[in-house]
Amino acid sequence: MHKRKPEWLKIKHRSSDQVMEVQRLIHNLSLHTVCQEASCPNLLECFGRRTATFMILGRHCTRNCTFCNVESNRPGPVDPKEAEHVAWAVNELGLKHVVITSVTRDDLPDGGAFHFVNVINAVREKNPHVEIEVLIPDFKGDIEALAKVVTAKPTILNHNVETVPRLYPAVRPQAEYERSIGLLANVKQLDPYMVTKSGIMVGLGETMEEVQAVMEDLRGVGCGILTIGQYLAPSKNHHPVVEYVHPDTFEAYRELGLKLGFKHVESGPLVRSSYHADAAANSLK
């Protein structure tokens, strides 16, 4: 049964010259953004602020998570000019903090880790003062692939656990909760000073106790930044929304996260992994 969205999830549609400018830039450089591919509800706000989350390694994912709107299909070859194009776009937009994510590429020997490094290096060379946040896949638990990205020294390394362990078979059938927690633990083993970040969705059928347990697991491996947002089904073919979580509950999660020791918690119905990422980074300074 279709659930009617509550008032707090209704978005005022608006456009602006800045939005069209960002769209043209992305199109002209043959780039992809998770904002567009994942149908993010904050696209107009973020593009209007001349920010975007770049999605590298193509637009086709090798996994079929039931919550995600990114297309699952056989990926094409990696664009050799993508690193240069992302660096140029960051420069054109005048970004001080950039978020770079990717589709999952289980077809590549290192899951695309070396390409992440190339993009990080290209962005930094053209924009030496920009803060670089990467949102990475799990690389199938390959610690050597992870080490490549960590050694490139992004400002923040993000990997989302997405949901509670009980729901993984239904929501993330090709992923493993323990593997994702282990990845975040391994980052700290490789570089104890690197800031790590993770995010979860709510409204998938989890309980508050399960969310708290995930938060405790994340703190147990030194995760410093947490995002919590409402799951919104991209279509009737995706995992259904079980509950629209009230803003008061999001505030309770935020307060709990801070009590548990997270340095910054972004928690709200429309929060996504990269939402106000620059503000989260600034809060750590």
C-alpha atoms as a PDB file:
ATOM      1  CA  MET A   1       0.000   0.000   0.000  1.00  0.00           C
ATOM      2  CA  HIS A   2       1.310   3.427  -0.958  1.00  0.00           C
ATOM      3  CA  LYS A   3       2.010   5.703   1.989  1.00  0.00           C
ATOM      4  CA  ARG A   4       1.237   9.397   1.667  1.00  0.00           C
ATOM      5  CA  LYS A   5       4.246  11.612   2.364  1.00  0.00           C
ATOM      6  CA  PRO A   6       3.869  13.802   5.449  1.00  0.00           C
ATOM      7  CA  GLU A   7       4.227  17.558   5.250  1.00  0.00           C
ATOM      8  CA  TRP A   8       7.813  17.552   6.512  1.00  0.00           C
ATOM      9  CA  LEU A   9       8.911  15.616   3.408  1.00  0.00           C
ATOM     10  CA  LYS A  10       7.306  17.855   0.808  1.00  0.00           C
ATOM     11  CA  ILE A  11       9.848  19.828  -1.182  1.00  0.00           C
ATOM     12  CA  LYS A  12       9.223  23.151  -2.830  1.00  0.00           C
ATOM     13  CA  HIS A  13      10.288  22.832  -6.452  1.00  0.00           C
ATOM     14  CA  ARG A  14      12.450  25.682  -7.540  1.00  0.00           C
ATOM     15  CA  SER A  15      15.058  26.339 -10.140  1.00  0.00           C
ATOM     16  CA  SER A  16      17.640  29.028 -10.715  1.00  0.00           C
ATOM     17  CA  ASP A  17      20.412  30.116 -13.008  1.00  0.00           C
ATOM     18  CA  GLN A  18      22.884  28.379 -10.672  1.00  0.00           C
ATOM     19  CA  VAL A  19      21.052  25.054 -11.023  1.00  0.00           C
ATOM     20  CA  MET A  20      21.114  25.248 -14.824  1.00  0.00           C
ATOM     21  CA  GLU A  21      24.768  26.307 -14.766  1.00  0.00           C
ATOM     22  CA  VAL A  22      25.767  23.239 -12.726  1.00  0.00           C
ATOM     23  CA  GLN A  23      23.706  20.967 -14.980  1.00  0.00           C
ATOM     24  CA  ARG A  24      25.368  22.370 -18.110  1.00  0.00           C
ATOM     25  CA  LEU A  25      28.842  21.999 -16.608  1.00  0.00           C
ATOM     26  CA  ILE A  26      28.238  18.367 -15.666  1.00  0.00           C
ATOM     27  CA  HIS A  27      26.800  17.580 -19.096  1.00  0.00           C
ATOM     28  CA  ASN A  28      29.585  19.320 -21.018  1.00  0.00           C
ATOM     29  CA  LEU A  29      32.274  17.428 -19.085  1.00  0.00           C
ATOM     30  CA  SER A  30      30.469  14.062 -19.452  1.00  0.00           C
ATOM     31  CA  LEU A  31      30.349  13.679 -15.673  1.00  0.00           C
ATOM     32  CA  HIS A  32      27.809  11.986 -13.429  1.00  0.00           C
ATOM     33  CA  THR A  33      26.517  13.050 -10.038  1.00  0.00           C
ATOM     34  CA  VAL A  34      24.848  10.888  -7.419  1.00  0.00           C
ATOM     35  CA  CYS A  35      22.459  13.811  -7.023  1.00  0.00           C
ATOM     36  CA  GLN A  36      20.981  13.024 -10.450  1.00  0.00           C
ATOM     37  CA  GLU A  37      21.515   9.260 -10.690  1.00  0.00           C
ATOM     38  CA  ALA A  38      20.075   8.515  -7.232  1.00  0.00           C
ATOM     39  CA  SER A  39      17.246  11.065  -7.540  1.00  0.00           C
ATOM     40  CA  CYS A  40      18.340  12.946  -4.429  1.00  0.00           C
ATOM     41  CA  PRO A  41      15.551  15.141  -2.983  1.00  0.00           C
ATOM     42  CA  ASN A  42      18.080  17.891  -2.261  1.00  0.00           C
ATOM     43  CA  LEU A  43      19.314  18.260  -5.838  1.00  0.00           C
ATOM     44  CA  LEU A  44      17.832  21.701  -6.474  1.00  0.00           C
ATOM     45  CA  GLU A  45      19.063  23.039  -3.142  1.00  0.00           C
ATOM     46  CA  CYS A  46      22.600  21.753  -3.632  1.00  0.00           C
ATOM     47  CA  PHE A  47      22.889  22.679  -7.306  1.00  0.00           C
ATOM     48  CA  GLY A  48      21.491  26.067  -6.345  1.00  0.00           C
ATOM     49  CA  ARG A  49      24.400  26.424  -3.932  1.00  0.00           C
ATOM     50  CA  ARG A  50      26.760  25.396  -6.772  1.00  0.00           C
ATOM     51  CA  THR A  51      27.650  22.118  -5.074  1.00  0.00           C
ATOM     52  CA  ALA A  52      27.382  18.552  -6.326  1.00  0.00           C
ATOM     53  CA  THR A  53      28.524  15.064  -5.368  1.00  0.00           C
ATOM     54  CA  PHE A  54      30.497  13.618  -8.261  1.00  0.00           C
ATOM     55  CA  MET A  55      29.937   9.936  -9.065  1.00  0.00           C
ATOM     56  CA  ILE A  56      32.929   8.378 -10.783  1.00  0.00           C
ATOM     57  CA  LEU A  57      33.509   5.048 -12.556  1.00  0.00           C
ATOM     58  CA  GLY A  58      30.438   5.378 -14.762  1.00  0.00           C
ATOM     59  CA  ARG A  59      26.704   5.314 -14.053  1.00  0.00           C
ATOM     60  CA  HIS A  60      26.112   1.539 -13.978  1.00  0.00           C
ATOM     61  CA  CYS A  61      26.534  -0.396 -10.728  1.00  0.00           C
ATOM     62  CA  THR A  62      27.423  -4.089 -10.451  1.00  0.00           C
ATOM     63  CA  ARG A  63      25.159  -4.526  -7.411  1.00  0.00           C
ATOM     64  CA  ASN A  64      21.398  -4.398  -7.067  1.00  0.00           C
ATOM     65  CA  CYS A  65      20.591  -2.883  -3.686  1.00  0.00           C
ATOM     66  CA  THR A  66      16.815  -2.658  -3.417  1.00  0.00           C
ATOM     67  CA  PHE A  67      16.837   0.903  -2.028  1.00  0.00           C
ATOM     68  CA  CYS A  68      18.995   2.536  -4.683  1.00  0.00           C
ATOM     69  CA  ASN A  69      17.994   4.294  -7.887  1.00  0.00           C
ATOM     70  CA  VAL A  70      21.417   4.015  -9.521  1.00  0.00           C
ATOM     71  CA  GLU A  71      21.049   1.661 -12.481  1.00  0.00           C
ATOM     72  CA  SER A  72      22.366  -1.884 -12.049  1.00  0.00           C
ATOM     73  CA  ASN A  73      23.873  -3.050 -15.327  1.00  0.00           C
ATOM     74  CA  ARG A  74      27.105  -4.168 -16.960  1.00  0.00           C
ATOM     75  CA  PRO A  75      29.486  -1.188 -16.565  1.00  0.00           C
ATOM     76  CA  GLY A  76      31.413   0.299 -19.440  1.00  0.00           C
ATOM     77  CA  PRO A  77      35.137   1.079 -19.521  1.00  0.00           C
ATOM     78  CA  VAL A  78      36.559   3.628 -17.099  1.00  0.00           C
ATOM     79  CA  ASP A  79      36.822   7.089 -18.666  1.00  0.00           C
ATOM     80  CA  PRO A  80      40.554   7.998 -18.736  1.00  0.00           C
ATOM     81  CA  LYS A  81      39.670  11.705 -18.770  1.00  0.00           C
ATOM     82  CA  GLU A  82      37.307  11.554 -15.809  1.00  0.00           C
ATOM     83  CA  ALA A  83      39.875  12.595 -13.187  1.00  0.00           C
ATOM     84  CA  GLU A  84      40.826  15.674 -15.207  1.00  0.00           C
ATOM     85  CA  HIS A  85      37.169  16.560 -15.795  1.00  0.00           C
ATOM     86  CA  VAL A  86      36.246  16.294 -12.113  1.00  0.00           C
ATOM     87  CA  ALA A  87      39.218  18.498 -11.218  1.00  0.00           C
ATOM     88  CA  TRP A  88      38.114  21.067 -13.795  1.00  0.00           C
ATOM     89  CA  ALA A  89      34.507  21.031 -12.524  1.00  0.00           C
ATOM     90  CA  VAL A  90      35.644  21.560  -8.923  1.00  0.00           C
ATOM     91  CA  ASN A  91      37.679  24.544 -10.108  1.00  0.00           C
ATOM     92  CA  GLU A  92      34.833  25.993 -12.174  1.00  0.00           C
ATOM     93  CA  LEU A  93      32.395  25.715  -9.261  1.00  0.00           C
ATOM     94  CA  GLY A  94      34.894  27.227  -6.835  1.00  0.00           C
ATOM     95  CA  LEU A  95      34.339  24.439  -4.325  1.00  0.00           C
ATOM     96  CA  LYS A  96      36.136  24.467  -0.992  1.00  0.00           C
ATOM     97  CA  HIS A  97      34.827  21.006  -0.071  1.00  0.00           C
ATOM     98  CA  VAL A  98      34.090  18.347  -2.677  1.00  0.00           C
ATOM     99  CA  VAL A  99      32.487  14.930  -2.258  1.00  0.00           C
ATOM    100  CA  ILE A 100      33.472  12.156  -4.662  1.00  0.00           C
ATOM    101  CA  THR A 101      31.631   8.838  -4.685  1.00  0.00           C
ATOM    102  CA  SER A 102      31.246   6.000  -7.168  1.00  0.00           C
ATOM    103  CA  VAL A 103      29.118   3.138  -8.285  1.00  0.00           C
ATOM    104  CA  THR A 104      30.275  -0.242  -6.995  1.00  0.00           C
ATOM    105  CA  ARG A 105      32.591  -1.857  -9.549  1.00  0.00           C
ATOM    106  CA  ASP A 106      33.032  -5.479  -8.493  1.00  0.00           C
ATOM    107  CA  ASP A 107      34.184  -6.162 -12.066  1.00  0.00           C
ATOM    108  CA  LEU A 108      37.455  -4.266 -11.549  1.00  0.00           C
ATOM    109  CA  PRO A 109      40.405  -6.012  -9.853  1.00  0.00           C
ATOM    110  CA  ASP A 110      40.677  -3.373  -7.117  1.00  0.00           C
ATOM    111  CA  GLY A 111      37.054  -2.243  -7.202  1.00  0.00           C
ATOM    112  CA  GLY A 112      38.125   1.063  -8.725  1.00  0.00           C
ATOM    113  CA  ALA A 113      40.392   2.102  -5.844  1.00  0.00           C
ATOM    114  CA  PHE A 114      43.240   3.214  -8.125  1.00  0.00           C
ATOM    115  CA  HIS A 115      40.815   5.399 -10.092  1.00  0.00           C
ATOM    116  CA  PHE A 116      39.724   7.039  -6.826  1.00  0.00           C
ATOM    117  CA  VAL A 117      43.391   7.838  -6.219  1.00  0.00           C
ATOM    118  CA  ASN A 118      43.765   9.337  -9.696  1.00  0.00           C
ATOM    119  CA  VAL A 119      40.718  11.550  -9.152  1.00  0.00           C
ATOM    120  CA  ILE A 120      41.894  12.669  -5.701  1.00  0.00           C
ATOM    121  CA  ASN A 121      45.332  13.555  -7.053  1.00  0.00           C
ATOM    122  CA  ALA A 122      43.948  15.406 -10.080  1.00  0.00           C
ATOM    123  CA  VAL A 123      41.505  17.422  -7.984  1.00  0.00           C
ATOM    124  CA  ARG A 124      44.201  18.331  -5.480  1.00  0.00           C
ATOM    125  CA  GLU A 125      46.696  19.326  -8.175  1.00  0.00           C
ATOM    126  CA  LYS A 126      44.265  21.779  -9.788  1.00  0.00           C
ATOM    127  CA  ASN A 127      42.645  22.854  -6.497  1.00  0.00           C
ATOM    128  CA  PRO A 128      45.392  22.643  -3.834  1.00  0.00           C
ATOM    129  CA  HIS A 129      43.277  24.085  -1.017  1.00  0.00           C
ATOM    130  CA  VAL A 130      40.095  22.061  -1.527  1.00  0.00           C
ATOM    131  CA  GLU A 131      38.945  19.560   1.095  1.00  0.00           C
ATOM    132  CA  ILE A 132      38.277  16.164  -0.484  1.00  0.00           C
ATOM    133  CA  GLU A 133      35.686  13.801   0.960  1.00  0.00           C
ATOM    134  CA  VAL A 134      35.341  10.359  -0.614  1.00  0.00           C
ATOM    135  CA  LEU A 135      32.336   8.068  -0.225  1.00  0.00           C
ATOM    136  CA  ILE A 136      33.653   4.643  -1.149  1.00  0.00           C
ATOM    137  CA  PRO A 137      32.211   1.163  -1.742  1.00  0.00           C
ATOM    138  CA  ASP A 138      33.402  -1.788   0.335  1.00  0.00           C
ATOM    139  CA  PHE A 139      35.933  -3.066  -2.283  1.00  0.00           C
ATOM    140  CA  LYS A 140      34.714  -6.565  -1.287  1.00  0.00           C
ATOM    141  CA  GLY A 141      36.828  -6.283   1.865  1.00  0.00           C
ATOM    142  CA  ASP A 142      40.120  -5.924  -0.044  1.00  0.00           C
ATOM    143  CA  ILE A 143      42.379  -4.095   2.416  1.00  0.00           C
ATOM    144  CA  GLU A 144      45.041  -3.445  -0.257  1.00  0.00           C
ATOM    145  CA  ALA A 145      42.457  -1.595  -2.356  1.00  0.00           C
ATOM    146  CA  LEU A 146      41.362   0.370   0.708  1.00  0.00           C
ATOM    147  CA  ALA A 147      44.983   1.221   1.515  1.00  0.00           C
ATOM    148  CA  LYS A 148      45.382   2.859  -1.909  1.00  0.00           C
ATOM    149  CA  VAL A 149      42.606   5.331  -1.107  1.00  0.00           C
ATOM    150  CA  VAL A 150      43.748   5.946   2.463  1.00  0.00           C
ATOM    151  CA  THR A 151      47.307   6.622   1.285  1.00  0.00           C
ATOM    152  CA  ALA A 152      45.957   9.324  -1.061  1.00  0.00           C
ATOM    153  CA  LYS A 153      44.964  11.223   2.107  1.00  0.00           C
ATOM    154  CA  PRO A 154      41.398  12.412   1.511  1.00  0.00           C
ATOM    155  CA  THR A 155      40.195  14.852   4.155  1.00  0.00           C
ATOM    156  CA  ILE A 156      37.286  12.583   5.111  1.00  0.00           C
ATOM    157  CA  LEU A 157      36.668   8.940   4.223  1.00  0.00           C
ATOM    158  CA  ASN A 158      33.004   7.947   4.180  1.00  0.00           C
ATOM    159  CA  HIS A 159      31.516   4.484   3.846  1.00  0.00           C
ATOM    160  CA  ASN A 160      27.828   4.002   4.516  1.00  0.00           C
ATOM    161  CA  VAL A 161      26.463   1.027   6.418  1.00  0.00           C
ATOM    162  CA  GLU A 162      23.043   2.120   5.089  1.00  0.00           C
ATOM    163  CA  THR A 163      20.804   0.042   7.395  1.00  0.00           C
ATOM    164  CA  VAL A 164      20.723  -2.307  10.385  1.00  0.00           C
ATOM    165  CA  PRO A 165      22.212  -5.828  10.104  1.00  0.00           C
ATOM    166  CA  ARG A 166      18.830  -7.617  10.171  1.00  0.00           C
ATOM    167  CA  LEU A 167      17.706  -5.851   6.998  1.00  0.00           C
ATOM    168  CA  TYR A 168      20.825  -6.477   4.900  1.00  0.00           C
ATOM    169  CA  PRO A 169      19.464  -9.562   3.064  1.00  0.00           C
ATOM    170  CA  ALA A 170      16.444  -7.561   1.869  1.00  0.00           C
ATOM    171  CA  VAL A 171      18.092  -4.173   1.348  1.00  0.00           C
ATOM    172  CA  ARG A 172      21.763  -4.890   0.525  1.00  0.00           C
ATOM    173  CA  PRO A 173      21.848  -8.531  -0.624  1.00  0.00           C
ATOM    174  CA  GLN A 174      25.387  -8.355  -2.043  1.00  0.00           C
ATOM    175  CA  ALA A 175      26.876  -6.515   0.933  1.00  0.00           C
ATOM    176  CA  GLU A 176      27.794  -7.572   4.466  1.00  0.00           C
ATOM    177  CA  TYR A 177      27.317  -5.461   7.575  1.00  0.00           C
ATOM    178  CA  GLU A 178      30.418  -6.866   9.265  1.00  0.00           C
ATOM    179  CA  ARG A 179      32.472  -6.130   6.160  1.00  0.00           C
ATOM    180  CA  SER A 180      31.379  -2.483   6.167  1.00  0.00           C
ATOM    181  CA  ILE A 181      32.128  -2.078   9.876  1.00  0.00           C
ATOM    182  CA  GLY A 182      35.450  -3.811   9.266  1.00  0.00           C
ATOM    183  CA  LEU A 183      36.314  -1.382   6.476  1.00  0.00           C
ATOM    184  CA  LEU A 184      35.889   1.587   8.803  1.00  0.00           C
ATOM    185  CA  ALA A 185      37.987  -0.194  11.437  1.00  0.00           C
ATOM    186  CA  ASN A 186      40.709  -0.869   8.866  1.00  0.00           C
ATOM    187  CA  VAL A 187      40.882   2.799   7.883  1.00  0.00           C
ATOM    188  CA  LYS A 188      41.843   3.631  11.464  1.00  0.00           C
ATOM    189  CA  GLN A 189      44.412   0.823  11.446  1.00  0.00           C
ATOM    190  CA  LEU A 190      45.958   2.241   8.283  1.00  0.00           C
ATOM    191  CA  ASP A 191      45.751   5.878   9.407  1.00  0.00           C
ATOM    192  CA  PRO A 192      44.637   6.556  13.003  1.00  0.00           C
ATOM    193  CA  TYR A 193      44.225  10.270  12.253  1.00  0.00           C
ATOM    194  CA  MET A 194      41.928   9.963   9.244  1.00  0.00           C
ATOM    195  CA  VAL A 195      38.390  11.231   9.842  1.00  0.00           C
ATOM    196  CA  THR A 196      35.803   8.570   9.037  1.00  0.00           C
ATOM    197  CA  LYS A 197      32.123   8.990   8.346  1.00  0.00           C
ATOM    198  CA  SER A 198      29.118   6.751   7.796  1.00  0.00           C
ATOM    199  CA  GLY A 199      25.395   6.995   7.190  1.00  0.00           C
ATOM    200  CA  ILE A 200      22.192   5.058   7.678  1.00  0.00           C
ATOM    201  CA  MET A 201      18.655   5.287   6.348  1.00  0.00           C
ATOM    202  CA  VAL A 202      15.600   4.852   8.554  1.00  0.00           C
ATOM    203  CA  GLY A 203      12.035   3.966   7.648  1.00  0.00           C
ATOM    204  CA  LEU A 204      12.966   0.536   6.276  1.00  0.00           C
ATOM    205  CA  GLY A 205      11.484  -1.386   9.194  1.00  0.00           C
ATOM    206  CA  GLU A 206      14.282  -1.025  11.741  1.00  0.00           C
ATOM    207  CA  THR A 207      13.733  -0.389  15.452  1.00  0.00           C
ATOM    208  CA  MET A 208      15.228   2.437  17.501  1.00  0.00           C
ATOM    209  CA  GLU A 209      17.180  -0.162  19.487  1.00  0.00           C
ATOM    210  CA  GLU A 210      18.708  -1.506  16.269  1.00  0.00           C
ATOM    211  CA  VAL A 211      19.675   2.003  15.142  1.00  0.00           C
ATOM    212  CA  GLN A 212      21.335   2.631  18.503  1.00  0.00           C
ATOM    213  CA  ALA A 213      23.258  -0.644  18.181  1.00  0.00           C
ATOM    214  CA  VAL A 214      24.577   0.437  14.757  1.00  0.00           C
ATOM    215  CA  MET A 215      25.610   3.799  16.175  1.00  0.00           C
ATOM    216  CA  GLU A 216      27.471   2.035  18.982  1.00  0.00           C
ATOM    217  CA  ASP A 217      29.210  -0.258  16.459  1.00  0.00           C
ATOM    218  CA  LEU A 218      30.310   2.776  14.438  1.00  0.00           C
ATOM    219  CA  ARG A 219      31.671   4.534  17.487  1.00  0.00           C
ATOM    220  CA  GLY A 220      33.434   1.310  18.421  1.00  0.00           C
ATOM    221  CA  VAL A 221      35.554   1.574  15.270  1.00  0.00           C
ATOM    222  CA  GLY A 222      36.226   5.292  15.719  1.00  0.00           C
ATOM    223  CA  CYS A 223      33.716   6.717  13.242  1.00  0.00           C
ATOM    224  CA  GLY A 224      33.526  10.478  13.805  1.00  0.00           C
ATOM    225  CA  ILE A 225      30.687  11.760  11.585  1.00  0.00           C
ATOM    226  CA  LEU A 226      27.221  10.249  11.151  1.00  0.00           C
ATOM    227  CA  THR A 227      24.340  11.015   8.803  1.00  0.00           C
ATOM    228  CA  ILE A 228      20.800   9.717   9.331  1.00  0.00           C
ATOM    229  CA  GLY A 229      18.034  10.285   6.793  1.00  0.00           C
ATOM    230  CA  GLN A 230      14.603   9.063   5.766  1.00  0.00           C
ATOM    231  CA  TYR A 231      14.472   6.319   3.150  1.00  0.00           C
ATOM    232  CA  LEU A 232      12.345   7.323   0.161  1.00  0.00           C
ATOM    233  CA  ALA A 233      11.497   4.605  -2.355  1.00  0.00           C
ATOM    234  CA  PRO A 234      12.535   5.766  -5.857  1.00  0.00           C
ATOM    235  CA  SER A 235       9.757   3.657  -7.428  1.00  0.00           C
ATOM    236  CA  LYS A 236       7.189   0.980  -6.653  1.00  0.00           C
ATOM    237  CA  ASN A 237       9.777  -1.603  -7.722  1.00  0.00           C
ATOM    238  CA  HIS A 238      12.171  -0.631  -4.938  1.00  0.00           C
ATOM    239  CA  HIS A 239      12.052  -1.627  -1.284  1.00  0.00           C
ATOM    240  CA  PRO A 240       8.860  -0.137   0.200  1.00  0.00           C
ATOM    241  CA  VAL A 241       8.849   2.603   2.804  1.00  0.00           C
ATOM    242  CA  VAL A 242       7.734   0.978   6.052  1.00  0.00           C
ATOM    243  CA  GLU A 243       7.546   4.187   8.093  1.00  0.00           C
ATOM    244  CA  TYR A 244       7.932   7.920   7.714  1.00  0.00           C
ATOM    245  CA  VAL A 245       9.997   8.782  10.748  1.00  0.00           C
ATOM    246  CA  HIS A 246       8.934  11.917  12.638  1.00  0.00           C
ATOM    247  CA  PRO A 247      11.419  14.828  12.881  1.00  0.00           C
ATOM    248  CA  ASP A 248      11.363  14.489  16.681  1.00  0.00           C
ATOM    249  CA  THR A 249      12.832  10.999  16.325  1.00  0.00           C
ATOM    250  CA  PHE A 250      15.583  12.322  14.085  1.00  0.00           C
ATOM    251  CA  GLU A 251      16.407  14.891  16.750  1.00  0.00           C
ATOM    252  CA  ALA A 252      16.515  12.120  19.341  1.00  0.00           C
ATOM    253  CA  TYR A 253      18.946  10.193  17.145  1.00  0.00           C
ATOM    254  CA  ARG A 254      21.103  13.311  16.767  1.00  0.00           C
ATOM    255  CA  GLU A 255      21.258  13.838  20.518  1.00  0.00           C
ATOM    256  CA  LEU A 256      22.038  10.157  21.092  1.00  0.00           C
ATOM    257  CA  GLY A 257      24.824  10.256  18.511  1.00  0.00           C
ATOM    258  CA  LEU A 258      26.463  13.232  20.170  1.00  0.00           C
ATOM    259  CA  LYS A 259      26.131  11.536  23.546  1.00  0.00           C
ATOM    260  CA  LEU A 260      27.847   8.447  22.137  1.00  0.00           C
ATOM    261  CA  GLY A 261      30.770  10.606  21.023  1.00  0.00           C
ATOM    262  CA  PHE A 262      30.275  11.414  17.346  1.00  0.00           C
ATOM    263  CA  LYS A 263      31.901  14.754  16.540  1.00  0.00           C
ATOM    264  CA  HIS A 264      29.067  15.696  14.192  1.00  0.00           C
ATOM    265  CA  VAL A 265      25.632  14.176  13.530  1.00  0.00           C
ATOM    266  CA  GLU A 266      23.460  15.328  10.629  1.00  0.00           C
ATOM    267  CA  SER A 267      20.028  13.808  11.280  1.00  0.00           C
ATOM    268  CA  GLY A 268      16.761  14.734   9.549  1.00  0.00           C
ATOM    269  CA  PRO A 269      14.159  13.509   7.068  1.00  0.00           C
ATOM    270  CA  LEU A 270      15.938  14.887   3.992  1.00  0.00           C
ATOM    271  CA  VAL A 271      19.502  14.256   5.143  1.00  0.00           C
ATOM    272  CA  ARG A 272      21.688  12.299   2.738  1.00  0.00           C
ATOM    273  CA  SER A 273      25.351  11.257   2.927  1.00  0.00           C
ATOM    274  CA  SER A 274      26.678  14.428   1.357  1.00  0.00           C
ATOM    275  CA  TYR A 275      24.070  16.850   2.675  1.00  0.00           C
ATOM    276  CA  HIS A 276      25.851  19.828   4.274  1.00  0.00           C
ATOM    277  CA  ALA A 277      29.099  17.858   4.076  1.00  0.00           C
ATOM    278  CA  ASP A 278      31.081  21.076   4.131  1.00  0.00           C
ATOM    279  CA  ALA A 279      29.407  22.140   7.385  1.00  0.00           C
ATOM    280  CA  ALA A 280      30.182  18.776   8.964  1.00  0.00           C
ATOM    281  CA  ALA A 281      33.830  19.138   7.994  1.00  0.00           C
ATOM    282  CA  ASN A 282      33.952  22.683   9.356  1.00  0.00           C
ATOM    283  CA  SER A 283      32.560  21.519  12.693  1.00  0.00           C
ATOM    284  CA  LEU A 284      35.674  19.386  13.209  1.00  0.00           C
ATOM    285  CA  LYS A 285      38.089  22.302  12.932  1.00  0.00           C
END
